Amino acid sequence: MYSSTQTSEPWRVGVLFSRTGYMAVIEETQLRGTLIAIEEINAAGGVNGREIVPVIYDPASENALFRSYARRMLVADGVSTIFGCYTSSSRKAVLPIVERLNGLLWYPTLYEGFEYSPNIIYTGAAPNQNSFALCDFLTERYGTRFFFVGSDYVYPRESNRIMRELLSRRGGEMVGERYVSLRADRTDFLPIMQEIRRTQPDVIFSTVVGDSTVALYQTYADFGFDPRTMPIASLTTTEAEIKAMGFDVGLGHITAAPYFQGLPGSRNESFVSRYKQRFGEDEPTNMCVEAAYFQVHMFARALELTDTLDTDVLRSTVLGTTFDAPQGPIAINPGCSHANVWARIGRANDRGQFDLLWESNSSVDADPFLQCLVRSPGVET
């Protein structure tokens, strides 16, 4: 059905990231990473002589629109491959549709783990690729009393559950746990910051996402807290959110991620240069851009080999493949359909970038079900 035999028709793929709404601050960058990769592939002649043409919808940060647009792509638009989703709630809204209609969703976002679908390729970090090292680093560098702040949906609650377990195994304690709406503003964080002032934790662990991230960090700054002694540490705060909140507001805070813009190496330098040429010198890359970018290139390599968009054929070819991504060499783990990505920890500097504090020696094998929930290798401080 999807073979290119004796045709020059373009390859049509779906692209489903929010350009509006409370998640646009990060999903817009994922859209950009996707489009840059498609442009690069097409400029090099496409795949087997055929261009990749994106079918793009804006789900406006609404799960109902993610669901309806995914169905439209797979049914009305004749698309079988979709690049999209940031939040776990949007992924879970799309999941039953791609499974029922046998589509293939490429998901370029870190998430809480404990999921497997034959119709999803997961290219963001799983908890063993970010939470383990971050917990080690924070407890060794800052202390063992954590205050959890998250957006109120599945990813923050599940990520905090995992972090609680990791913290407990290290002899630490959670001194507070609060959740806010995905549309939270600075007033919603005022009572939380007052509670933080009373409890005096060593670390604020944030799983807040979207525009609310900006409000969290700005309210923290309004209270005069010092990141040198009590940082906000996150798995989700990227260069994009730091730009939105202000470099001075983000200064000194911690993020664990497979990728930061400032990583050395010609592969990343070329990627950053291409991104800035396309979208502006003041537009930073981030881990979500990078995953959105490399997954399209991995898709194109598999498509070149299979010459078909048939989900079953394409997916089996993707599993086990490797790629020299801007973050470094990565692979799609054939046992779980997740990417083996790098583990890194960075601190935001006064240029809105992250200074690298620690990194793994190579990519970390994905273990989304945490089958070996043991203490990760010590993080040098």
Protein backbone atom coordinates (compact mmCIF):
# COMPACT_ATOMS: atom_id res chain seq x y z
CA MET A 1 0.00 0.00 0.00
CA TYR A 2 2.78 2.42 0.91
CA SER A 3 5.56 1.18 -1.37
CA SER A 4 7.38 3.61 -3.66
CA THR A 5 7.71 1.08 -6.47
CA GLN A 6 7.37 2.84 -9.83
CA THR A 7 6.20 6.13 -8.34
CA SER A 8 7.65 9.55 -7.68
CA GLU A 9 4.90 10.61 -5.30
CA PRO A 10 6.20 12.19 -2.07
CA TRP A 11 6.33 10.39 1.25
CA ARG A 12 3.61 11.94 3.44
CA VAL A 13 4.17 11.98 7.19
CA GLY A 14 2.17 13.50 10.02
CA VAL A 15 3.54 16.19 12.36
CA LEU A 16 1.59 16.86 15.54
CA PHE A 17 3.05 19.50 17.86
CA SER A 18 1.33 22.49 19.48
CA ARG A 19 2.11 25.91 18.09
CA THR A 20 -0.42 27.56 20.39
CA GLY A 21 -1.58 27.02 23.95
CA TYR A 22 0.33 26.50 27.18
CA MET A 23 2.71 23.87 25.74
CA ALA A 24 3.76 25.86 22.68
CA VAL A 25 6.89 27.16 24.43
CA ILE A 26 8.49 23.72 23.98
CA GLU A 27 6.38 21.99 21.31
CA GLU A 28 7.08 24.75 18.80
CA THR A 29 10.75 23.87 19.10
CA GLN A 30 9.99 20.18 18.48
CA LEU A 31 8.15 21.17 15.34
CA ARG A 32 11.21 23.13 14.26
CA GLY A 33 13.54 20.20 14.86
CA THR A 34 11.27 17.99 12.79
CA LEU A 35 11.10 20.43 9.91
CA ILE A 36 14.86 21.02 9.82
CA ALA A 37 15.48 17.28 9.51
CA ILE A 38 12.91 16.98 6.72
CA GLU A 39 14.48 19.93 4.91
CA GLU A 40 17.95 18.38 5.19
CA ILE A 41 16.74 15.05 3.83
CA ASN A 42 14.88 16.66 0.94
CA ALA A 43 17.84 18.89 0.08
CA ALA A 44 19.94 15.72 -0.25
CA GLY A 45 17.47 14.23 -2.73
CA GLY A 46 14.79 12.89 -0.44
CA VAL A 47 14.40 9.17 0.26
CA ASN A 48 14.88 6.97 -2.78
CA GLY A 49 14.28 9.99 -4.98
CA ARG A 50 11.06 11.02 -3.24
CA GLU A 51 10.56 14.08 -1.04
CA ILE A 52 9.17 13.86 2.47
CA VAL A 53 6.10 16.09 2.78
CA PRO A 54 4.80 16.88 6.28
CA VAL A 55 1.08 17.02 7.01
CA ILE A 56 1.00 19.45 9.94
CA TYR A 57 -1.74 20.17 12.46
CA ASP A 58 -1.72 22.38 15.55
CA PRO A 59 -3.44 20.55 18.44
CA ALA A 60 -3.22 23.75 20.52
CA SER A 61 -2.11 21.93 23.70
CA GLU A 62 -5.49 20.14 23.90
CA ASN A 63 -5.56 16.36 24.22
CA ALA A 64 -8.89 16.11 22.40
CA LEU A 65 -7.31 17.77 19.37
CA PHE A 66 -4.29 15.47 19.51
CA ARG A 67 -6.72 12.57 19.39
CA SER A 68 -8.88 13.92 16.56
CA TYR A 69 -5.95 15.06 14.41
CA ALA A 70 -4.17 11.73 14.80
CA ARG A 71 -7.31 9.97 13.61
CA ARG A 72 -7.66 12.41 10.69
CA MET A 73 -4.07 11.81 9.63
CA LEU A 74 -4.35 8.04 9.71
CA VAL A 75 -7.79 7.85 8.09
CA ALA A 76 -8.43 10.88 5.87
CA ASP A 77 -4.88 12.01 5.06
CA GLY A 78 -3.48 8.57 4.29
CA VAL A 79 -0.58 9.02 6.70
CA SER A 80 0.88 6.06 8.60
CA THR A 81 3.83 7.68 10.38
CA ILE A 82 3.38 10.54 12.86
CA PHE A 83 6.03 12.62 14.61
CA GLY A 84 4.48 14.25 17.63
CA CYS A 85 3.33 14.76 21.22
CA TYR A 86 5.12 16.27 24.19
CA THR A 87 3.04 15.55 27.29
CA SER A 88 2.34 12.00 28.38
CA SER A 89 -1.36 12.82 28.45
CA SER A 90 -1.29 13.75 24.75
CA ARG A 91 0.70 10.59 23.96
CA LYS A 92 -1.82 8.49 25.84
CA ALA A 93 -4.64 10.22 23.95
CA VAL A 94 -3.03 9.26 20.63
CA LEU A 95 -1.85 5.77 21.65
CA PRO A 96 -5.11 3.78 21.19
CA ILE A 97 -5.67 5.38 17.80
CA VAL A 98 -2.24 4.53 16.37
CA GLU A 99 -2.55 1.01 17.78
CA ARG A 100 -6.03 0.43 16.36
CA LEU A 101 -5.15 1.87 12.94
CA ASN A 102 -1.59 0.46 12.99
CA GLY A 103 0.20 3.75 12.65
CA LEU A 104 3.70 4.50 13.94
CA LEU A 105 4.17 7.36 16.41
CA TRP A 106 7.66 8.76 16.96
CA TYR A 107 7.67 10.35 20.42
CA PRO A 108 10.64 12.71 21.07
CA THR A 109 10.07 13.56 24.72
CA LEU A 110 11.39 12.33 28.04
CA TYR A 111 8.66 10.58 29.97
CA GLU A 112 7.84 8.55 33.07
CA GLY A 113 8.49 5.10 31.62
CA PHE A 114 6.42 1.97 32.29
CA GLU A 115 4.95 1.85 28.82
CA TYR A 116 5.49 -0.23 25.71
CA SER A 117 3.62 -0.13 22.43
CA PRO A 118 4.52 -1.82 19.14
CA ASN A 119 3.24 1.36 17.50
CA ILE A 120 5.53 3.86 19.25
CA ILE A 121 9.25 4.61 18.95
CA TYR A 122 10.30 6.47 22.13
CA THR A 123 13.32 8.73 21.53
CA GLY A 124 13.33 10.83 24.71
CA ALA A 125 14.88 9.77 28.00
CA ALA A 126 13.30 7.15 30.28
CA PRO A 127 13.73 7.53 34.07
CA ASN A 128 16.85 5.35 34.27
CA GLN A 129 18.49 7.72 31.77
CA ASN A 130 17.92 10.93 33.73
CA SER A 131 16.35 10.51 37.20
CA PHE A 132 18.94 8.05 38.52
CA ALA A 133 21.96 10.24 37.87
CA LEU A 134 20.14 13.40 38.91
CA CYS A 135 19.17 11.95 42.29
CA ASP A 136 22.75 10.84 42.90
CA PHE A 137 24.12 14.23 41.97
CA LEU A 138 21.67 16.24 44.05
CA THR A 139 21.97 14.15 47.22
CA GLU A 140 25.77 14.16 47.04
CA ARG A 141 26.08 17.85 46.20
CA TYR A 142 23.16 19.59 47.98
CA GLY A 143 21.48 17.28 50.50
CA THR A 144 18.73 14.74 50.96
CA ARG A 145 15.63 16.82 51.76
CA PHE A 146 13.56 17.33 48.60
CA PHE A 147 10.41 19.36 47.93
CA PHE A 148 8.44 18.16 44.86
CA VAL A 149 6.52 20.57 42.62
CA GLY A 150 4.77 19.29 39.51
CA SER A 151 2.08 19.96 36.95
CA ASP A 152 -1.01 17.92 37.68
CA TYR A 153 -1.04 15.09 35.16
CA VAL A 154 0.43 11.63 34.69
CA TYR A 155 4.08 12.44 33.93
CA PRO A 156 4.85 14.55 37.04
CA ARG A 157 3.02 12.24 39.41
CA GLU A 158 4.72 9.12 38.08
CA SER A 159 8.15 10.79 37.83
CA ASN A 160 7.82 11.96 41.42
CA ARG A 161 6.87 8.45 42.50
CA ILE A 162 10.10 7.18 40.97
CA MET A 163 12.15 10.00 42.49
CA ARG A 164 10.63 9.27 45.92
CA GLU A 165 11.81 5.69 45.63
CA LEU A 166 15.29 6.72 44.51
CA LEU A 167 15.52 9.30 47.28
CA SER A 168 14.39 6.79 49.91
CA ARG A 169 17.06 4.34 48.80
CA ARG A 170 19.64 7.07 49.38
CA GLY A 171 18.39 7.82 52.89
CA GLY A 172 16.61 11.01 51.87
CA GLU A 173 13.14 12.35 52.52
CA MET A 174 10.43 14.27 50.72
CA VAL A 175 9.44 17.29 52.84
CA GLY A 176 6.61 18.46 50.56
CA GLU A 177 4.74 17.57 47.38
CA ARG A 178 2.46 19.99 45.52
CA TYR A 179 0.80 20.00 42.10
CA VAL A 180 -0.53 22.85 40.01
CA SER A 181 -2.71 23.18 36.93
CA LEU A 182 -1.08 23.01 33.50
CA ARG A 183 -2.30 26.60 33.17
CA ALA A 184 -0.80 27.73 36.50
CA ASP A 185 0.50 31.29 36.81
CA ARG A 186 2.68 33.00 39.37
CA THR A 187 -0.12 33.40 41.91
CA ASP A 188 -0.51 29.61 42.03
CA PHE A 189 3.10 29.25 43.16
CA LEU A 190 2.93 31.82 45.96
CA PRO A 191 1.62 29.43 48.66
CA ILE A 192 4.05 26.76 47.47
CA MET A 193 7.01 29.12 47.86
CA GLN A 194 5.75 30.09 51.31
CA GLU A 195 5.69 26.41 52.25
CA ILE A 196 9.20 25.98 50.84
CA ARG A 197 10.36 28.89 52.97
CA ARG A 198 8.94 27.14 56.04
CA THR A 199 10.29 23.66 55.28
CA GLN A 200 13.73 24.76 53.99
CA PRO A 201 14.45 21.80 51.67
CA ASP A 202 17.86 21.21 50.16
CA VAL A 203 16.43 20.84 46.64
CA ILE A 204 13.22 21.72 44.81
CA PHE A 205 12.53 18.94 42.31
CA SER A 206 10.35 20.31 39.53
CA THR A 207 8.22 18.36 37.08
CA VAL A 208 6.35 21.50 36.04
CA VAL A 209 5.99 21.85 32.27
CA GLY A 210 5.06 24.46 29.66
CA ASP A 211 4.36 28.10 30.47
CA SER A 212 3.98 27.20 34.15
CA THR A 213 7.71 26.49 34.26
CA VAL A 214 8.39 30.16 33.63
CA ALA A 215 6.00 31.14 36.43
CA LEU A 216 7.62 28.70 38.88
CA TYR A 217 11.14 29.99 38.41
CA GLN A 218 10.08 33.65 38.38
CA THR A 219 8.18 33.20 41.64
CA TYR A 220 11.21 31.46 43.15
CA ALA A 221 13.31 34.50 42.17
CA ASP A 222 10.71 36.88 43.64
CA PHE A 223 11.12 35.12 47.00
CA GLY A 224 14.88 35.72 46.92
CA PHE A 225 15.89 32.07 47.20
CA ASP A 226 19.46 31.19 46.26
CA PRO A 227 20.10 28.37 43.72
CA ARG A 228 23.61 27.95 45.07
CA THR A 229 22.16 26.45 48.25
CA MET A 230 18.64 25.36 47.19
CA PRO A 231 18.36 24.94 43.42
CA ILE A 232 15.36 23.96 41.37
CA ALA A 233 16.36 20.68 39.73
CA SER A 234 14.37 19.44 36.76
CA LEU A 235 14.11 16.84 34.02
CA THR A 236 11.99 19.13 31.84
CA THR A 237 13.44 22.66 32.01
CA THR A 238 15.37 23.30 28.80
CA GLU A 239 17.06 26.23 27.08
CA ALA A 240 13.64 27.18 25.67
CA GLU A 241 12.08 27.72 29.09
CA ILE A 242 15.22 29.49 30.35
CA LYS A 243 14.94 31.94 27.43
CA ALA A 244 11.28 32.56 28.24
CA MET A 245 11.83 33.16 31.97
CA GLY A 246 14.97 35.29 31.58
CA PHE A 247 18.59 34.23 31.83
CA ASP A 248 18.96 35.88 35.24
CA VAL A 249 15.98 33.93 36.59
CA GLY A 250 17.27 30.59 35.32
CA LEU A 251 20.85 31.17 36.46
CA GLY A 252 22.21 28.41 38.71
CA HIS A 253 19.39 25.92 38.37
CA ILE A 254 19.94 22.26 37.42
CA THR A 255 18.59 20.07 34.60
CA ALA A 256 19.27 16.45 33.69
CA ALA A 257 19.00 15.78 29.95
CA PRO A 258 20.60 13.74 27.16
CA TYR A 259 21.49 16.92 25.27
CA PHE A 260 22.42 20.56 25.84
CA GLN A 261 23.13 23.11 23.12
CA GLY A 262 26.66 23.75 24.38
CA LEU A 263 27.95 20.20 23.88
CA PRO A 264 31.25 20.09 21.98
CA GLY A 265 31.74 18.29 18.69
CA SER A 266 31.31 18.99 15.00
CA ARG A 267 28.02 17.09 14.76
CA ASN A 268 26.34 19.29 17.35
CA GLU A 269 27.99 22.46 16.10
CA SER A 270 26.61 21.81 12.64
CA PHE A 271 23.15 21.11 14.05
CA VAL A 272 23.12 24.29 16.17
CA SER A 273 24.35 26.38 13.25
CA ARG A 274 21.65 25.00 10.96
CA TYR A 275 18.97 25.65 13.58
CA LYS A 276 20.04 29.25 14.15
CA GLN A 277 20.32 29.97 10.46
CA ARG A 278 16.75 28.74 10.02
CA PHE A 279 15.09 30.27 13.08
CA GLY A 280 17.34 33.09 14.34
CA GLU A 281 20.58 33.55 16.20
CA ASP A 282 18.81 34.08 19.51
CA GLU A 283 16.83 30.82 19.26
CA PRO A 284 18.47 28.04 21.31
CA THR A 285 18.27 24.33 20.67
CA ASN A 286 17.28 21.95 23.46
CA MET A 287 16.89 18.25 24.23
CA CYS A 288 13.38 18.10 22.74
CA VAL A 289 14.48 19.76 19.50
CA GLU A 290 17.39 17.36 19.23
CA ALA A 291 15.26 14.23 19.74
CA ALA A 292 12.67 15.50 17.26
CA TYR A 293 15.50 16.09 14.79
CA PHE A 294 17.40 12.82 15.05
CA GLN A 295 14.28 10.65 15.02
CA VAL A 296 13.33 11.96 11.58
CA HIS A 297 16.77 11.06 10.27
CA MET A 298 16.47 7.57 11.77
CA PHE A 299 13.07 7.21 10.15
CA ALA A 300 14.50 8.25 6.77
CA ARG A 301 17.32 5.71 7.01
CA ALA A 302 14.85 2.92 7.73
CA LEU A 303 12.57 4.13 4.94
CA GLU A 304 15.46 4.08 2.49
CA LEU A 305 16.08 0.43 3.32
CA THR A 306 12.46 -0.71 3.30
CA ASP A 307 11.11 1.59 0.57
CA THR A 308 7.74 1.35 2.28
CA LEU A 309 5.78 3.16 4.98
CA ASP A 310 4.13 -0.06 6.06
CA THR A 311 4.30 0.16 9.85
CA ASP A 312 5.21 -3.47 10.50
CA VAL A 313 8.05 -3.47 7.97
CA LEU A 314 9.37 -0.03 8.91
CA ARG A 315 9.34 -0.64 12.65
CA SER A 316 11.21 -3.92 12.43
CA THR A 317 13.93 -2.16 10.44
CA VAL A 318 14.18 0.72 12.94
CA LEU A 319 14.78 -1.56 15.93
CA GLY A 320 18.47 -1.92 16.65
CA THR A 321 19.56 0.88 14.31
CA THR A 322 22.19 3.40 15.37
CA PHE A 323 22.69 7.07 14.58
CA ASP A 324 25.32 9.74 15.22
CA ALA A 325 23.03 12.31 16.84
CA PRO A 326 24.09 15.78 18.05
CA GLN A 327 24.16 14.37 21.61
CA GLY A 328 26.46 11.53 20.49
CA PRO A 329 25.96 7.99 19.16
CA ILE A 330 22.53 6.60 20.04
CA ALA A 331 20.51 3.52 19.11
CA ILE A 332 16.95 2.25 19.19
CA ASN A 333 16.89 -0.54 21.75
CA PRO A 334 15.31 -3.57 20.04
CA GLY A 335 14.03 -4.94 23.32
CA CYS A 336 11.77 -2.01 24.20
CA SER A 337 11.55 0.40 21.22
CA HIS A 338 13.18 3.16 23.29
CA ALA A 339 16.31 5.07 22.38
CA ASN A 340 19.56 4.42 24.21
CA VAL A 341 20.46 8.05 24.95
CA TRP A 342 23.10 9.84 27.00
CA ALA A 343 22.76 10.95 30.63
CA ARG A 344 23.96 14.46 31.45
CA ILE A 345 23.55 17.08 34.16
CA GLY A 346 23.93 20.79 33.52
CA ARG A 347 23.64 24.08 35.39
CA ALA A 348 22.10 27.12 33.70
CA ASN A 349 24.54 29.98 33.17
CA ASP A 350 24.08 33.71 32.52
CA ARG A 351 23.88 33.14 28.74
CA GLY A 352 20.84 30.91 28.98
CA GLN A 353 22.89 27.81 28.28
CA PHE A 354 23.90 24.91 30.52
CA ASP A 355 27.38 24.30 31.83
CA LEU A 356 28.02 20.56 31.82
CA LEU A 357 28.56 19.17 35.33
CA TRP A 358 28.47 15.44 34.63
CA GLU A 359 27.89 13.02 31.78
CA SER A 360 27.80 9.29 31.20
CA ASN A 361 30.68 7.66 29.35
CA SER A 362 28.36 6.54 26.54
CA SER A 363 24.67 6.20 25.82
CA VAL A 364 22.65 4.51 28.58
CA ASP A 365 20.56 1.47 27.66
CA ALA A 366 16.88 2.24 28.00
CA ASP A 367 15.16 0.42 30.86
CA PRO A 368 11.66 1.92 30.84
CA PHE A 369 10.26 -0.61 33.31
CA LEU A 370 13.18 -0.13 35.73
CA GLN A 371 13.82 -3.84 35.89
CA CYS A 372 17.07 -3.17 37.72
CA LEU A 373 16.08 -0.47 40.18
CA VAL A 374 19.43 -0.19 41.89
CA ARG A 375 21.62 2.73 42.73
CA SER A 376 23.14 4.18 39.58
CA PRO A 377 26.92 4.60 39.38
CA GLY A 378 28.15 7.36 41.63
CA VAL A 379 28.23 10.85 40.20
CA GLU A 380 31.50 12.65 40.77
CA THR A 381 31.04 16.03 42.34
